[in-house]
Amino acid sequence: MFIRLTKDQQEMIVADIQRFFYTHRDEDISEFEAERVLDFIKENIAPYIYNAAVSDAKYVVERQFSSMEEELEALEQPIKLKE
């Protein structure tokens, strides 16, 4: 999966990864090592998160469409049949 990040976003994420390793594992990792962790996440974990987000968006759109459909049906005028 190809995830495009700006240079600033990538730098912030790499710094967050380094901070996580230092805070939770008491390890100082290099920028290169943090970038490898980010690459792993992008390749192996991000697709699951992306698919869950798409599923959530689909659910919201379907609910909104259903609501719109009900509102449009409420606008319909009854037609009297002539005898």
PDB file of N, CA and C in Angstrom:
ATOM      1  N   MET A   1       0.856  -1.170   0.000  1.00  0.00           N
ATOM      2  CA  MET A   1       0.000   0.000   0.000  1.00  0.00           C
ATOM      3  C   MET A   1       0.900   1.230   0.000  1.00  0.00           C
ATOM      4  N   PHE A   2       0.597   2.155  -0.868  1.00  0.00           N
ATOM      5  CA  PHE A   2       1.404   3.358  -0.975  1.00  0.00           C
ATOM      6  C   PHE A   2       0.751   4.467  -0.177  1.00  0.00           C
ATOM      7  N   ILE A   3       1.455   4.936   0.845  1.00  0.00           N
ATOM      8  CA  ILE A   3       0.964   6.032   1.662  1.00  0.00           C
ATOM      9  C   ILE A   3       1.907   7.203   1.461  1.00  0.00           C
ATOM     10  N   ARG A   4       1.354   8.294   1.010  1.00  0.00           N
ATOM     11  CA  ARG A   4       2.156   9.488   0.758  1.00  0.00           C
ATOM     12  C   ARG A   4       2.120  10.381   1.988  1.00  0.00           C
ATOM     13  N   LEU A   5       3.280  10.700   2.492  1.00  0.00           N
ATOM     14  CA  LEU A   5       3.396  11.608   3.621  1.00  0.00           C
ATOM     15  C   LEU A   5       4.275  12.776   3.202  1.00  0.00           C
ATOM     16  N   THR A   6       3.955  13.943   3.727  1.00  0.00           N
ATOM     17  CA  THR A   6       4.836  15.076   3.471  1.00  0.00           C
ATOM     18  C   THR A   6       6.121  14.862   4.269  1.00  0.00           C
ATOM     19  N   LYS A   7       7.139  15.617   3.914  1.00  0.00           N
ATOM     20  CA  LYS A   7       8.406  15.520   4.636  1.00  0.00           C
ATOM     21  C   LYS A   7       8.206  15.851   6.113  1.00  0.00           C
ATOM     22  N   ASP A   8       7.406  16.894   6.381  1.00  0.00           N
ATOM     23  CA  ASP A   8       7.132  17.276   7.776  1.00  0.00           C
ATOM     24  C   ASP A   8       6.400  16.170   8.530  1.00  0.00           C
ATOM     25  N   GLN A   9       5.405  15.559   7.892  1.00  0.00           N
ATOM     26  CA  GLN A   9       4.668  14.475   8.529  1.00  0.00           C
ATOM     27  C   GLN A   9       5.606  13.310   8.846  1.00  0.00           C
ATOM     28  N   GLN A  10       6.426  12.945   7.877  1.00  0.00           N
ATOM     29  CA  GLN A  10       7.363  11.834   8.072  1.00  0.00           C
ATOM     30  C   GLN A  10       8.311  12.132   9.231  1.00  0.00           C
ATOM     31  N   GLU A  11       8.830  13.351   9.278  1.00  0.00           N
ATOM     32  CA  GLU A  11       9.759  13.718  10.347  1.00  0.00           C
ATOM     33  C   GLU A  11       9.077  13.667  11.720  1.00  0.00           C
ATOM     34  N   MET A  12       7.837  14.137  11.789  1.00  0.00           N
ATOM     35  CA  MET A  12       7.102  14.102  13.062  1.00  0.00           C
ATOM     36  C   MET A  12       6.836  12.659  13.500  1.00  0.00           C
ATOM     37  N   ILE A  13       6.459  11.813  12.556  1.00  0.00           N
ATOM     38  CA  ILE A  13       6.178  10.408  12.888  1.00  0.00           C
ATOM     39  C   ILE A  13       7.449   9.700  13.338  1.00  0.00           C
ATOM     40  N   VAL A  14       8.534   9.926  12.625  1.00  0.00           N
ATOM     41  CA  VAL A  14       9.812   9.316  13.007  1.00  0.00           C
ATOM     42  C   VAL A  14      10.207   9.764  14.418  1.00  0.00           C
ATOM     43  N   ALA A  15      10.051  11.044  14.709  1.00  0.00           N
ATOM     44  CA  ALA A  15      10.359  11.544  16.058  1.00  0.00           C
ATOM     45  C   ALA A  15       9.441  10.893  17.096  1.00  0.00           C
ATOM     46  N   ASP A  16       8.158  10.702  16.746  1.00  0.00           N
ATOM     47  CA  ASP A  16       7.216  10.038  17.663  1.00  0.00           C
ATOM     48  C   ASP A  16       7.647   8.600  17.928  1.00  0.00           C
ATOM     49  N   ILE A  17       8.097   7.916  16.895  1.00  0.00           N
ATOM     50  CA  ILE A  17       8.558   6.529  17.056  1.00  0.00           C
ATOM     51  C   ILE A  17       9.788   6.488  17.955  1.00  0.00           C
ATOM     52  N   GLN A  18      10.725   7.399  17.722  1.00  0.00           N
ATOM     53  CA  GLN A  18      11.916   7.450  18.569  1.00  0.00           C
ATOM     54  C   GLN A  18      11.529   7.721  20.025  1.00  0.00           C
ATOM     55  N   ARG A  19      10.612   8.648  20.218  1.00  0.00           N
ATOM     56  CA  ARG A  19      10.153   8.993  21.572  1.00  0.00           C
ATOM     57  C   ARG A  19       9.467   7.785  22.216  1.00  0.00           C
ATOM     58  N   PHE A  20       8.659   7.069  21.453  1.00  0.00           N
ATOM     59  CA  PHE A  20       7.984   5.878  21.974  1.00  0.00           C
ATOM     60  C   PHE A  20       9.012   4.854  22.451  1.00  0.00           C
ATOM     61  N   PHE A  21      10.004   4.564  21.624  1.00  0.00           N
ATOM     62  CA  PHE A  21      11.006   3.572  22.002  1.00  0.00           C
ATOM     63  C   PHE A  21      11.775   4.019  23.253  1.00  0.00           C
ATOM     64  N   TYR A  22      12.064   5.306  23.331  1.00  0.00           N
ATOM     65  CA  TYR A  22      12.802   5.800  24.491  1.00  0.00           C
ATOM     66  C   TYR A  22      11.946   5.738  25.753  1.00  0.00           C
ATOM     67  N   THR A  23      10.689   6.157  25.642  1.00  0.00           N
ATOM     68  CA  THR A  23       9.797   6.227  26.800  1.00  0.00           C
ATOM     69  C   THR A  23       9.350   4.845  27.279  1.00  0.00           C
ATOM     70  N   HIS A  24       8.990   3.972  26.347  1.00  0.00           N
ATOM     71  CA  HIS A  24       8.376   2.694  26.721  1.00  0.00           C
ATOM     72  C   HIS A  24       9.343   1.520  26.733  1.00  0.00           C
ATOM     73  N   ARG A  25      10.455   1.665  26.038  1.00  0.00           N
ATOM     74  CA  ARG A  25      11.395   0.539  25.976  1.00  0.00           C
ATOM     75  C   ARG A  25      12.792   0.915  26.461  1.00  0.00           C
ATOM     76  N   ASP A  26      12.934   2.186  26.846  1.00  0.00           N
ATOM     77  CA  ASP A  26      14.224   2.679  27.332  1.00  0.00           C
ATOM     78  C   ASP A  26      15.339   2.437  26.299  1.00  0.00           C
ATOM     79  N   GLU A  27      14.987   2.621  25.009  1.00  0.00           N
ATOM     80  CA  GLU A  27      15.939   2.426  23.913  1.00  0.00           C
ATOM     81  C   GLU A  27      16.061   3.713  23.111  1.00  0.00           C
ATOM     82  N   ASP A  28      17.289   4.070  22.808  1.00  0.00           N
ATOM     83  CA  ASP A  28      17.526   5.150  21.859  1.00  0.00           C
ATOM     84  C   ASP A  28      17.695   4.513  20.487  1.00  0.00           C
ATOM     85  N   ILE A  29      16.782   4.831  19.560  1.00  0.00           N
ATOM     86  CA  ILE A  29      16.941   4.294  18.213  1.00  0.00           C
ATOM     87  C   ILE A  29      17.251   5.459  17.274  1.00  0.00           C
ATOM     88  N   SER A  30      17.972   5.131  16.217  1.00  0.00           N
ATOM     89  CA  SER A  30      18.373   6.156  15.265  1.00  0.00           C
ATOM     90  C   SER A  30      17.195   6.552  14.381  1.00  0.00           C
ATOM     91  N   GLU A  31      17.377   7.627  13.683  1.00  0.00           N
ATOM     92  CA  GLU A  31      16.352   8.058  12.720  1.00  0.00           C
ATOM     93  C   GLU A  31      16.135   6.970  11.669  1.00  0.00           C
ATOM     94  N   PHE A  32      17.228   6.358  11.216  1.00  0.00           N
ATOM     95  CA  PHE A  32      17.139   5.282  10.229  1.00  0.00           C
ATOM     96  C   PHE A  32      16.298   4.121  10.758  1.00  0.00           C
ATOM     97  N   GLU A  33      16.542   3.714  11.997  1.00  0.00           N
ATOM     98  CA  GLU A  33      15.780   2.612  12.587  1.00  0.00           C
ATOM     99  C   GLU A  33      14.302   2.985  12.725  1.00  0.00           C
ATOM    100  N   ALA A  34      14.034   4.209  13.121  1.00  0.00           N
ATOM    101  CA  ALA A  34      12.643   4.665  13.255  1.00  0.00           C
ATOM    102  C   ALA A  34      11.962   4.681  11.893  1.00  0.00           C
ATOM    103  N   GLU A  35      12.692   5.058  10.855  1.00  0.00           N
ATOM    104  CA  GLU A  35      12.124   5.036   9.499  1.00  0.00           C
ATOM    105  C   GLU A  35      11.798   3.613   9.071  1.00  0.00           C
ATOM    106  N   ARG A  36      12.613   2.634   9.476  1.00  0.00           N
ATOM    107  CA  ARG A  36      12.330   1.228   9.141  1.00  0.00           C
ATOM    108  C   ARG A  36      11.056   0.767   9.869  1.00  0.00           C
ATOM    109  N   VAL A  37      10.874   1.209  11.113  1.00  0.00           N
ATOM    110  CA  VAL A  37       9.645   0.881  11.847  1.00  0.00           C
ATOM    111  C   VAL A  37       8.454   1.489  11.119  1.00  0.00           C
ATOM    112  N   LEU A  38       8.581   2.740  10.689  1.00  0.00           N
ATOM    113  CA  LEU A  38       7.503   3.393   9.950  1.00  0.00           C
ATOM    114  C   LEU A  38       7.207   2.645   8.652  1.00  0.00           C
ATOM    115  N   ASP A  39       8.238   2.233   7.939  1.00  0.00           N
ATOM    116  CA  ASP A  39       8.034   1.464   6.703  1.00  0.00           C
ATOM    117  C   ASP A  39       7.269   0.175   6.989  1.00  0.00           C
ATOM    118  N   PHE A  40       7.638  -0.506   8.076  1.00  0.00           N
ATOM    119  CA  PHE A  40       6.939  -1.738   8.455  1.00  0.00           C
ATOM    120  C   PHE A  40       5.461  -1.460   8.718  1.00  0.00           C
ATOM    121  N   ILE A  41       5.194  -0.400   9.463  1.00  0.00           N
ATOM    122  CA  ILE A  41       3.814  -0.051   9.789  1.00  0.00           C
ATOM    123  C   ILE A  41       3.035   0.266   8.514  1.00  0.00           C
ATOM    124  N   LYS A  42       3.644   1.056   7.633  1.00  0.00           N
ATOM    125  CA  LYS A  42       2.969   1.442   6.387  1.00  0.00           C
ATOM    126  C   LYS A  42       2.671   0.222   5.518  1.00  0.00           C
ATOM    127  N   GLU A  43       3.573  -0.725   5.483  1.00  0.00           N
ATOM    128  CA  GLU A  43       3.404  -1.888   4.612  1.00  0.00           C
ATOM    129  C   GLU A  43       2.519  -2.971   5.215  1.00  0.00           C
ATOM    130  N   ASN A  44       2.568  -3.137   6.528  1.00  0.00           N
ATOM    131  CA  ASN A  44       1.907  -4.295   7.137  1.00  0.00           C
ATOM    132  C   ASN A  44       0.703  -3.978   8.012  1.00  0.00           C
ATOM    133  N   ILE A  45       0.649  -2.805   8.592  1.00  0.00           N
ATOM    134  CA  ILE A  45      -0.434  -2.474   9.522  1.00  0.00           C
ATOM    135  C   ILE A  45      -1.400  -1.465   8.927  1.00  0.00           C
ATOM    136  N   ALA A  46      -0.867  -0.489   8.219  1.00  0.00           N
ATOM    137  CA  ALA A  46      -1.707   0.578   7.657  1.00  0.00           C
ATOM    138  C   ALA A  46      -2.850   0.069   6.783  1.00  0.00           C
ATOM    139  N   PRO A  47      -2.649  -0.985   5.966  1.00  0.00           N
ATOM    140  CA  PRO A  47      -3.783  -1.447   5.151  1.00  0.00           C
ATOM    141  C   PRO A  47      -4.998  -1.858   5.978  1.00  0.00           C
ATOM    142  N   TYR A  48      -4.781  -2.442   7.140  1.00  0.00           N
ATOM    143  CA  TYR A  48      -5.905  -2.814   8.006  1.00  0.00           C
ATOM    144  C   TYR A  48      -6.635  -1.572   8.513  1.00  0.00           C
ATOM    145  N   ILE A  49      -5.862  -0.579   8.927  1.00  0.00           N
ATOM    146  CA  ILE A  49      -6.453   0.662   9.436  1.00  0.00           C
ATOM    147  C   ILE A  49      -7.177   1.391   8.311  1.00  0.00           C
ATOM    148  N   TYR A  50      -6.560   1.425   7.137  1.00  0.00           N
ATOM    149  CA  TYR A  50      -7.171   2.070   5.968  1.00  0.00           C
ATOM    150  C   TYR A  50      -8.498   1.401   5.616  1.00  0.00           C
ATOM    151  N   ASN A  51      -8.505   0.072   5.565  1.00  0.00           N
ATOM    152  CA  ASN A  51      -9.733  -0.655   5.227  1.00  0.00           C
ATOM    153  C   ASN A  51     -10.824  -0.429   6.265  1.00  0.00           C
ATOM    154  N   ALA A  52     -10.449  -0.348   7.532  1.00  0.00           N
ATOM    155  CA  ALA A  52     -11.440  -0.063   8.576  1.00  0.00           C
ATOM    156  C   ALA A  52     -12.013   1.336   8.388  1.00  0.00           C
ATOM    157  N   ALA A  53     -11.177   2.286   8.022  1.00  0.00           N
ATOM    158  CA  ALA A  53     -11.647   3.655   7.783  1.00  0.00           C
ATOM    159  C   ALA A  53     -12.581   3.704   6.584  1.00  0.00           C
ATOM    160  N   VAL A  54     -12.250   2.972   5.524  1.00  0.00           N
ATOM    161  CA  VAL A  54     -13.121   2.919   4.348  1.00  0.00           C
ATOM    162  C   VAL A  54     -14.468   2.299   4.730  1.00  0.00           C
ATOM    163  N   SER A  55     -14.432   1.257   5.525  1.00  0.00           N
ATOM    164  CA  SER A  55     -15.668   0.611   5.968  1.00  0.00           C
ATOM    165  C   SER A  55     -16.519   1.570   6.802  1.00  0.00           C
ATOM    166  N   ASP A  56     -15.886   2.314   7.697  1.00  0.00           N
ATOM    167  CA  ASP A  56     -16.603   3.301   8.503  1.00  0.00           C
ATOM    168  C   ASP A  56     -17.221   4.377   7.611  1.00  0.00           C
ATOM    169  N   ALA A  57     -16.462   4.847   6.632  1.00  0.00           N
ATOM    170  CA  ALA A  57     -16.969   5.881   5.724  1.00  0.00           C
ATOM    171  C   ALA A  57     -18.136   5.345   4.907  1.00  0.00           C
ATOM    172  N   LYS A  58     -18.036   4.110   4.466  1.00  0.00           N
ATOM    173  CA  LYS A  58     -19.124   3.488   3.700  1.00  0.00           C
ATOM    174  C   LYS A  58     -20.397   3.426   4.544  1.00  0.00           C
ATOM    175  N   TYR A  59     -20.270   3.054   5.800  1.00  0.00           N
ATOM    176  CA  TYR A  59     -21.413   2.978   6.707  1.00  0.00           C
ATOM    177  C   TYR A  59     -22.076   4.348   6.853  1.00  0.00           C
ATOM    178  N   VAL A  60     -21.268   5.392   7.040  1.00  0.00           N
ATOM    179  CA  VAL A  60     -21.806   6.746   7.205  1.00  0.00           C
ATOM    180  C   VAL A  60     -22.518   7.189   5.930  1.00  0.00           C
ATOM    181  N   VAL A  61     -21.912   6.944   4.781  1.00  0.00           N
ATOM    182  CA  VAL A  61     -22.516   7.343   3.508  1.00  0.00           C
ATOM    183  C   VAL A  61     -23.826   6.589   3.285  1.00  0.00           C
ATOM    184  N   GLU A  62     -23.850   5.304   3.592  1.00  0.00           N
ATOM    185  CA  GLU A  62     -25.076   4.520   3.427  1.00  0.00           C
ATOM    186  C   GLU A  62     -26.188   5.043   4.329  1.00  0.00           C
ATOM    187  N   ARG A  63     -25.855   5.408   5.566  1.00  0.00           N
ATOM    188  CA  ARG A  63     -26.862   5.964   6.476  1.00  0.00           C
ATOM    189  C   ARG A  63     -27.381   7.297   5.955  1.00  0.00           C
ATOM    190  N   GLN A  64     -26.476   8.148   5.476  1.00  0.00           N
ATOM    191  CA  GLN A  64     -26.894   9.446   4.952  1.00  0.00           C
ATOM    192  C   GLN A  64     -27.752   9.266   3.701  1.00  0.00           C
ATOM    193  N   PHE A  65     -27.398   8.327   2.834  1.00  0.00           N
ATOM    194  CA  PHE A  65     -28.178   8.082   1.634  1.00  0.00           C
ATOM    195  C   PHE A  65     -29.571   7.577   1.999  1.00  0.00           C
ATOM    196  N   SER A  66     -29.631   6.684   2.971  1.00  0.00           N
ATOM    197  CA  SER A  66     -30.920   6.159   3.413  1.00  0.00           C
ATOM    198  C   SER A  66     -31.796   7.283   3.947  1.00  0.00           C
ATOM    199  N   SER A  67     -31.212   8.170   4.720  1.00  0.00           N
ATOM    200  CA  SER A  67     -31.945   9.302   5.263  1.00  0.00           C
ATOM    201  C   SER A  67     -32.435  10.230   4.143  1.00  0.00           C
ATOM    202  N   MET A  68     -31.578  10.486   3.169  1.00  0.00           N
ATOM    203  CA  MET A  68     -31.968  11.330   2.026  1.00  0.00           C
ATOM    204  C   MET A  68     -33.107  10.682   1.244  1.00  0.00           C
ATOM    205  N   GLU A  69     -33.004   9.382   1.067  1.00  0.00           N
ATOM    206  CA  GLU A  69     -34.037   8.653   0.329  1.00  0.00           C
ATOM    207  C   GLU A  69     -35.389   8.782   1.035  1.00  0.00           C
ATOM    208  N   GLU A  70     -35.391   8.649   2.357  1.00  0.00           N
ATOM    209  CA  GLU A  70     -36.628   8.789   3.126  1.00  0.00           C
ATOM    210  C   GLU A  70     -37.186  10.207   3.006  1.00  0.00           C
ATOM    211  N   GLU A  71     -36.294  11.205   3.067  1.00  0.00           N
ATOM    212  CA  GLU A  71     -36.740  12.594   2.956  1.00  0.00           C
ATOM    213  C   GLU A  71     -37.316  12.880   1.565  1.00  0.00           C
ATOM    214  N   LEU A  72     -36.715  12.321   0.533  1.00  0.00           N
ATOM    215  CA  LEU A  72     -37.225  12.516  -0.821  1.00  0.00           C
ATOM    216  C   LEU A  72     -38.582  11.835  -1.001  1.00  0.00           C
ATOM    217  N   GLU A  73     -38.738  10.665  -0.434  1.00  0.00           N
ATOM    218  CA  GLU A  73     -40.015   9.969  -0.532  1.00  0.00           C
ATOM    219  C   GLU A  73     -41.111  10.749   0.187  1.00  0.00           C
ATOM    220  N   ALA A  74     -40.775  11.409   1.269  1.00  0.00           N
ATOM    221  CA  ALA A  74     -41.750  12.211   2.014  1.00  0.00           C
ATOM    222  C   ALA A  74     -42.218  13.412   1.193  1.00  0.00           C
ATOM    223  N   LEU A  75     -41.427  13.860   0.235  1.00  0.00           N
ATOM    224  CA  LEU A  75     -41.795  15.000  -0.610  1.00  0.00           C
ATOM    225  C   LEU A  75     -42.747  14.627  -1.739  1.00  0.00           C
ATOM    226  N   GLU A  76     -42.855  13.339  -2.022  1.00  0.00           N
ATOM    227  CA  GLU A  76     -43.722  12.919  -3.116  1.00  0.00           C
ATOM    228  C   GLU A  76     -45.173  13.276  -2.830  1.00  0.00           C
ATOM    229  N   GLN A  77     -45.858  13.694  -3.866  1.00  0.00           N
ATOM    230  CA  GLN A  77     -47.264  14.053  -3.769  1.00  0.00           C
ATOM    231  C   GLN A  77     -48.120  12.850  -4.160  1.00  0.00           C
ATOM    232  N   PRO A  78     -49.211  12.629  -3.428  1.00  0.00           N
ATOM    233  CA  PRO A  78     -50.090  11.530  -3.798  1.00  0.00           C
ATOM    234  C   PRO A  78     -50.778  11.838  -5.140  1.00  0.00           C
ATOM    235  N   ILE A  79     -51.014  10.826  -5.898  1.00  0.00           N
ATOM    236  CA  ILE A  79     -51.676  10.982  -7.193  1.00  0.00           C
ATOM    237  C   ILE A  79     -53.059  10.362  -7.080  1.00  0.00           C
ATOM    238  N   LYS A  80     -54.080  11.172  -7.415  1.00  0.00           N
ATOM    239  CA  LYS A  80     -55.451  10.670  -7.358  1.00  0.00           C
ATOM    240  C   LYS A  80     -55.778  10.059  -8.722  1.00  0.00           C
ATOM    241  N   LEU A  81     -56.318   8.874  -8.668  1.00  0.00           N
ATOM    242  CA  LEU A  81     -56.737   8.208  -9.900  1.00  0.00           C
ATOM    243  C   LEU A  81     -58.118   8.725 -10.291  1.00  0.00           C
ATOM    244  N   LYS A  82     -58.283   9.040 -11.542  1.00  0.00           N
ATOM    245  CA  LYS A  82     -59.591   9.506 -12.023  1.00  0.00           C
ATOM    246  C   LYS A  82     -60.411   8.280 -12.384  1.00  0.00           C
ATOM    247  N   GLU A  83     -61.669   8.338 -12.003  1.00  0.00           N
ATOM    248  CA  GLU A  83     -62.567   7.205 -12.290  1.00  0.00           C
ATOM    249  C   GLU A  83     -63.424   7.472 -13.458  1.00  0.00           C
TER     250      GLU A  83
END
